[in-house]
Amino acid sequence: MYRLTQIHQRIDERLRLEARKARPDGMEVLRLAALKARAKNALAVLTGRTVVPA
């Protein structure tokens, strides 16, 4: 679970860095957002919380 939390945080940081660029790459933002959602859902499953389908 700790590893998933780290992965989620790293993806979030990369997403914020990309969004701060003068011309962010839209496809990269979408890819990172999807990865972040997958990590968040995996964390929810591990903690027993309800997973809301995307």
PDB file of N, CA and C in Angstrom:
ATOM      1  N   MET A   1       0.825  -1.187   0.000  1.00  0.00           N
ATOM      2  CA  MET A   1       0.000   0.000   0.000  1.00  0.00           C
ATOM      3  C   MET A   1       0.875   1.259   0.000  1.00  0.00           C
ATOM      4  N   TYR A   2       1.970   1.221   0.757  1.00  0.00           N
ATOM      5  CA  TYR A   2       2.863   2.372   0.793  1.00  0.00           C
ATOM      6  C   TYR A   2       3.428   2.660  -0.594  1.00  0.00           C
ATOM      7  N   ARG A   3       3.773   1.601  -1.305  1.00  0.00           N
ATOM      8  CA  ARG A   3       4.328   1.763  -2.659  1.00  0.00           C
ATOM      9  C   ARG A   3       3.313   2.420  -3.589  1.00  0.00           C
ATOM     10  N   LEU A   4       2.055   2.012  -3.501  1.00  0.00           N
ATOM     11  CA  LEU A   4       1.016   2.625  -4.332  1.00  0.00           C
ATOM     12  C   LEU A   4       0.844   4.099  -3.998  1.00  0.00           C
ATOM     13  N   THR A   5       0.961   4.432  -2.724  1.00  0.00           N
ATOM     14  CA  THR A   5       0.861   5.832  -2.314  1.00  0.00           C
ATOM     15  C   THR A   5       2.005   6.635  -2.923  1.00  0.00           C
ATOM     16  N   GLN A   6       3.200   6.071  -2.916  1.00  0.00           N
ATOM     17  CA  GLN A   6       4.350   6.743  -3.525  1.00  0.00           C
ATOM     18  C   GLN A   6       4.140   6.933  -5.023  1.00  0.00           C
ATOM     19  N   ILE A   7       3.657   5.908  -5.686  1.00  0.00           N
ATOM     20  CA  ILE A   7       3.404   5.989  -7.127  1.00  0.00           C
ATOM     21  C   ILE A   7       2.391   7.087  -7.412  1.00  0.00           C
ATOM     22  N   HIS A   8       1.316   7.125  -6.633  1.00  0.00           N
ATOM     23  CA  HIS A   8       0.272   8.135  -6.808  1.00  0.00           C
ATOM     24  C   HIS A   8       0.862   9.536  -6.637  1.00  0.00           C
ATOM     25  N   GLN A   9       1.706   9.721  -5.630  1.00  0.00           N
ATOM     26  CA  GLN A   9       2.312  11.028  -5.383  1.00  0.00           C
ATOM     27  C   GLN A   9       3.241  11.441  -6.522  1.00  0.00           C
ATOM     28  N   ARG A  10       4.032  10.491  -7.036  1.00  0.00           N
ATOM     29  CA  ARG A  10       4.942  10.809  -8.146  1.00  0.00           C
ATOM     30  C   ARG A  10       4.175  11.196  -9.404  1.00  0.00           C
ATOM     31  N   ILE A  11       3.106  10.462  -9.686  1.00  0.00           N
ATOM     32  CA  ILE A  11       2.289  10.779 -10.862  1.00  0.00           C
ATOM     33  C   ILE A  11       1.671  12.159 -10.697  1.00  0.00           C
ATOM     34  N   ASP A  12       1.179  12.455  -9.494  1.00  0.00           N
ATOM     35  CA  ASP A  12       0.573  13.755  -9.217  1.00  0.00           C
ATOM     36  C   ASP A  12       1.586  14.880  -9.428  1.00  0.00           C
ATOM     37  N   GLU A  13       2.810  14.674  -8.972  1.00  0.00           N
ATOM     38  CA  GLU A  13       3.853  15.688  -9.149  1.00  0.00           C
ATOM     39  C   GLU A  13       4.161  15.892 -10.636  1.00  0.00           C
ATOM     40  N   ARG A  14       4.288  14.799 -11.387  1.00  0.00           N
ATOM     41  CA  ARG A  14       4.551  14.914 -12.827  1.00  0.00           C
ATOM     42  C   ARG A  14       3.402  15.616 -13.534  1.00  0.00           C
ATOM     43  N   LEU A  15       2.181  15.346 -13.097  1.00  0.00           N
ATOM     44  CA  LEU A  15       1.003  15.986 -13.681  1.00  0.00           C
ATOM     45  C   LEU A  15       1.036  17.488 -13.420  1.00  0.00           C
ATOM     46  N   ARG A  16       1.375  17.876 -12.190  1.00  0.00           N
ATOM     47  CA  ARG A  16       1.457  19.306 -11.863  1.00  0.00           C
ATOM     48  C   ARG A  16       2.567  19.994 -12.649  1.00  0.00           C
ATOM     49  N   LEU A  17       3.712  19.327 -12.798  1.00  0.00           N
ATOM     50  CA  LEU A  17       4.810  19.910 -13.571  1.00  0.00           C
ATOM     51  C   LEU A  17       4.412  20.110 -15.031  1.00  0.00           C
ATOM     52  N   GLU A  18       3.749  19.128 -15.598  1.00  0.00           N
ATOM     53  CA  GLU A  18       3.315  19.230 -16.998  1.00  0.00           C
ATOM     54  C   GLU A  18       2.296  20.357 -17.160  1.00  0.00           C
ATOM     55  N   ALA A  19       1.374  20.471 -16.224  1.00  0.00           N
ATOM     56  CA  ALA A  19       0.330  21.495 -16.312  1.00  0.00           C
ATOM     57  C   ALA A  19       0.903  22.902 -16.176  1.00  0.00           C
ATOM     58  N   ARG A  20       2.050  23.046 -15.498  1.00  0.00           N
ATOM     59  CA  ARG A  20       2.667  24.361 -15.306  1.00  0.00           C
ATOM     60  C   ARG A  20       3.426  24.856 -16.530  1.00  0.00           C
ATOM     61  N   LYS A  21       3.701  23.959 -17.461  1.00  0.00           N
ATOM     62  CA  LYS A  21       4.445  24.358 -18.656  1.00  0.00           C
ATOM     63  C   LYS A  21       3.661  25.391 -19.452  1.00  0.00           C
ATOM     64  N   ALA A  22       4.390  26.206 -20.205  1.00  0.00           N
ATOM     65  CA  ALA A  22       3.746  27.216 -21.046  1.00  0.00           C
ATOM     66  C   ALA A  22       2.828  26.556 -22.073  1.00  0.00           C
ATOM     67  N   ARG A  23       3.251  25.427 -22.609  1.00  0.00           N
ATOM     68  CA  ARG A  23       2.437  24.668 -23.566  1.00  0.00           C
ATOM     69  C   ARG A  23       2.425  23.206 -23.139  1.00  0.00           C
ATOM     70  N   PRO A  24       1.562  22.868 -22.185  1.00  0.00           N
ATOM     71  CA  PRO A  24       1.523  21.475 -21.721  1.00  0.00           C
ATOM     72  C   PRO A  24       1.073  20.523 -22.827  1.00  0.00           C
ATOM     73  N   ASP A  25       1.643  19.345 -22.823  1.00  0.00           N
ATOM     74  CA  ASP A  25       1.283  18.305 -23.784  1.00  0.00           C
ATOM     75  C   ASP A  25      -0.027  17.671 -23.324  1.00  0.00           C
ATOM     76  N   GLY A  26      -1.081  17.920 -24.063  1.00  0.00           N
ATOM     77  CA  GLY A  26      -2.407  17.438 -23.695  1.00  0.00           C
ATOM     78  C   GLY A  26      -2.488  15.933 -23.574  1.00  0.00           C
ATOM     79  N   MET A  27      -1.819  15.221 -24.462  1.00  0.00           N
ATOM     80  CA  MET A  27      -1.843  13.759 -24.411  1.00  0.00           C
ATOM     81  C   MET A  27      -1.114  13.241 -23.167  1.00  0.00           C
ATOM     82  N   GLU A  28      -0.023  13.898 -22.815  1.00  0.00           N
ATOM     83  CA  GLU A  28       0.715  13.498 -21.610  1.00  0.00           C
ATOM     84  C   GLU A  28      -0.120  13.775 -20.360  1.00  0.00           C
ATOM     85  N   VAL A  29      -0.821  14.897 -20.336  1.00  0.00           N
ATOM     86  CA  VAL A  29      -1.695  15.217 -19.205  1.00  0.00           C
ATOM     87  C   VAL A  29      -2.783  14.155 -19.075  1.00  0.00           C
ATOM     88  N   LEU A  30      -3.387  13.764 -20.187  1.00  0.00           N
ATOM     89  CA  LEU A  30      -4.421  12.726 -20.156  1.00  0.00           C
ATOM     90  C   LEU A  30      -3.858  11.386 -19.689  1.00  0.00           C
ATOM     91  N   ARG A  31      -2.672  11.045 -20.173  1.00  0.00           N
ATOM     92  CA  ARG A  31      -2.038   9.783 -19.789  1.00  0.00           C
ATOM     93  C   ARG A  31      -1.739   9.758 -18.292  1.00  0.00           C
ATOM     94  N   LEU A  32      -1.183  10.855 -17.796  1.00  0.00           N
ATOM     95  CA  LEU A  32      -0.860  10.930 -16.373  1.00  0.00           C
ATOM     96  C   LEU A  32      -2.118  10.920 -15.509  1.00  0.00           C
ATOM     97  N   ALA A  33      -3.161  11.601 -15.961  1.00  0.00           N
ATOM     98  CA  ALA A  33      -4.419  11.617 -15.209  1.00  0.00           C
ATOM     99  C   ALA A  33      -5.016  10.214 -15.133  1.00  0.00           C
ATOM    100  N   ALA A  34      -4.921   9.463 -16.221  1.00  0.00           N
ATOM    101  CA  ALA A  34      -5.440   8.093 -16.229  1.00  0.00           C
ATOM    102  C   ALA A  34      -4.625   7.202 -15.295  1.00  0.00           C
ATOM    103  N   LEU A  35      -3.300   7.354 -15.308  1.00  0.00           N
ATOM    104  CA  LEU A  35      -2.449   6.579 -14.405  1.00  0.00           C
ATOM    105  C   LEU A  35      -2.751   6.916 -12.949  1.00  0.00           C
ATOM    106  N   LYS A  36      -2.961   8.195 -12.682  1.00  0.00           N
ATOM    107  CA  LYS A  36      -3.274   8.628 -11.320  1.00  0.00           C
ATOM    108  C   LYS A  36      -4.595   8.013 -10.856  1.00  0.00           C
ATOM    109  N   ALA A  37      -5.580   7.985 -11.737  1.00  0.00           N
ATOM    110  CA  ALA A  37      -6.882   7.403 -11.396  1.00  0.00           C
ATOM    111  C   ALA A  37      -6.750   5.905 -11.125  1.00  0.00           C
ATOM    112  N   ARG A  38      -5.930   5.218 -11.920  1.00  0.00           N
ATOM    113  CA  ARG A  38      -5.725   3.782 -11.701  1.00  0.00           C
ATOM    114  C   ARG A  38      -5.068   3.522 -10.349  1.00  0.00           C
ATOM    115  N   ALA A  39      -4.073   4.338 -10.001  1.00  0.00           N
ATOM    116  CA  ALA A  39      -3.404   4.180  -8.710  1.00  0.00           C
ATOM    117  C   ALA A  39      -4.372   4.473  -7.569  1.00  0.00           C
ATOM    118  N   LYS A  40      -5.189   5.493  -7.736  1.00  0.00           N
ATOM    119  CA  LYS A  40      -6.164   5.850  -6.704  1.00  0.00           C
ATOM    120  C   LYS A  40      -7.183   4.727  -6.508  1.00  0.00           C
ATOM    121  N   ASN A  41      -7.653   4.149  -7.599  1.00  0.00           N
ATOM    122  CA  ASN A  41      -8.605   3.041  -7.505  1.00  0.00           C
ATOM    123  C   ASN A  41      -7.970   1.818  -6.844  1.00  0.00           C
ATOM    124  N   ALA A  42      -6.719   1.544  -7.164  1.00  0.00           N
ATOM    125  CA  ALA A  42      -6.025   0.415  -6.545  1.00  0.00           C
ATOM    126  C   ALA A  42      -5.889   0.633  -5.038  1.00  0.00           C
ATOM    127  N   LEU A  43      -5.595   1.862  -4.637  1.00  0.00           N
ATOM    128  CA  LEU A  43      -5.520   2.178  -3.210  1.00  0.00           C
ATOM    129  C   LEU A  43      -6.876   1.995  -2.544  1.00  0.00           C
ATOM    130  N   ALA A  44      -7.928   2.415  -3.218  1.00  0.00           N
ATOM    131  CA  ALA A  44      -9.280   2.281  -2.667  1.00  0.00           C
ATOM    132  C   ALA A  44      -9.639   0.811  -2.472  1.00  0.00           C
ATOM    133  N   VAL A  45      -9.268  -0.023  -3.417  1.00  0.00           N
ATOM    134  CA  VAL A  45      -9.551  -1.455  -3.306  1.00  0.00           C
ATOM    135  C   VAL A  45      -8.792  -2.047  -2.112  1.00  0.00           C
ATOM    136  N   LEU A  46      -7.529  -1.666  -1.959  1.00  0.00           N
ATOM    137  CA  LEU A  46      -6.726  -2.198  -0.855  1.00  0.00           C
ATOM    138  C   LEU A  46      -7.240  -1.754   0.510  1.00  0.00           C
ATOM    139  N   THR A  47      -7.774  -0.554   0.590  1.00  0.00           N
ATOM    140  CA  THR A  47      -8.261  -0.048   1.876  1.00  0.00           C
ATOM    141  C   THR A  47      -9.712  -0.419   2.126  1.00  0.00           C
ATOM    142  N   GLY A  48     -10.342  -1.076   1.151  1.00  0.00           N
ATOM    143  CA  GLY A  48     -11.718  -1.516   1.326  1.00  0.00           C
ATOM    144  C   GLY A  48     -12.751  -0.441   1.087  1.00  0.00           C
ATOM    145  N   ARG A  49     -12.345   0.655   0.498  1.00  0.00           N
ATOM    146  CA  ARG A  49     -13.285   1.729   0.193  1.00  0.00           C
ATOM    147  C   ARG A  49     -13.999   1.429  -1.113  1.00  0.00           C
ATOM    148  N   THR A  50     -15.147   2.013  -1.277  1.00  0.00           N
ATOM    149  CA  THR A  50     -15.928   1.807  -2.491  1.00  0.00           C
ATOM    150  C   THR A  50     -15.224   2.459  -3.668  1.00  0.00           C
ATOM    151  N   VAL A  51     -15.134   1.731  -4.764  1.00  0.00           N
ATOM    152  CA  VAL A  51     -14.523   2.250  -5.983  1.00  0.00           C
ATOM    153  C   VAL A  51     -15.634   2.762  -6.877  1.00  0.00           C
ATOM    154  N   VAL A  52     -15.516   4.034  -7.265  1.00  0.00           N
ATOM    155  CA  VAL A  52     -16.497   4.633  -8.161  1.00  0.00           C
ATOM    156  C   VAL A  52     -16.005   4.432  -9.584  1.00  0.00           C
ATOM    157  N   PRO A  53     -16.785   3.748 -10.437  1.00  0.00           N
ATOM    158  CA  PRO A  53     -16.335   3.537 -11.816  1.00  0.00           C
ATOM    159  C   PRO A  53     -16.196   4.853 -12.565  1.00  0.00           C
ATOM    160  N   ALA A  54     -15.189   4.928 -13.402  1.00  0.00           N
ATOM    161  CA  ALA A  54     -14.937   6.156 -14.169  1.00  0.00           C
ATOM    162  C   ALA A  54     -15.865   6.275 -15.344  1.00  0.00           C
TER     163      ALA A  54
END
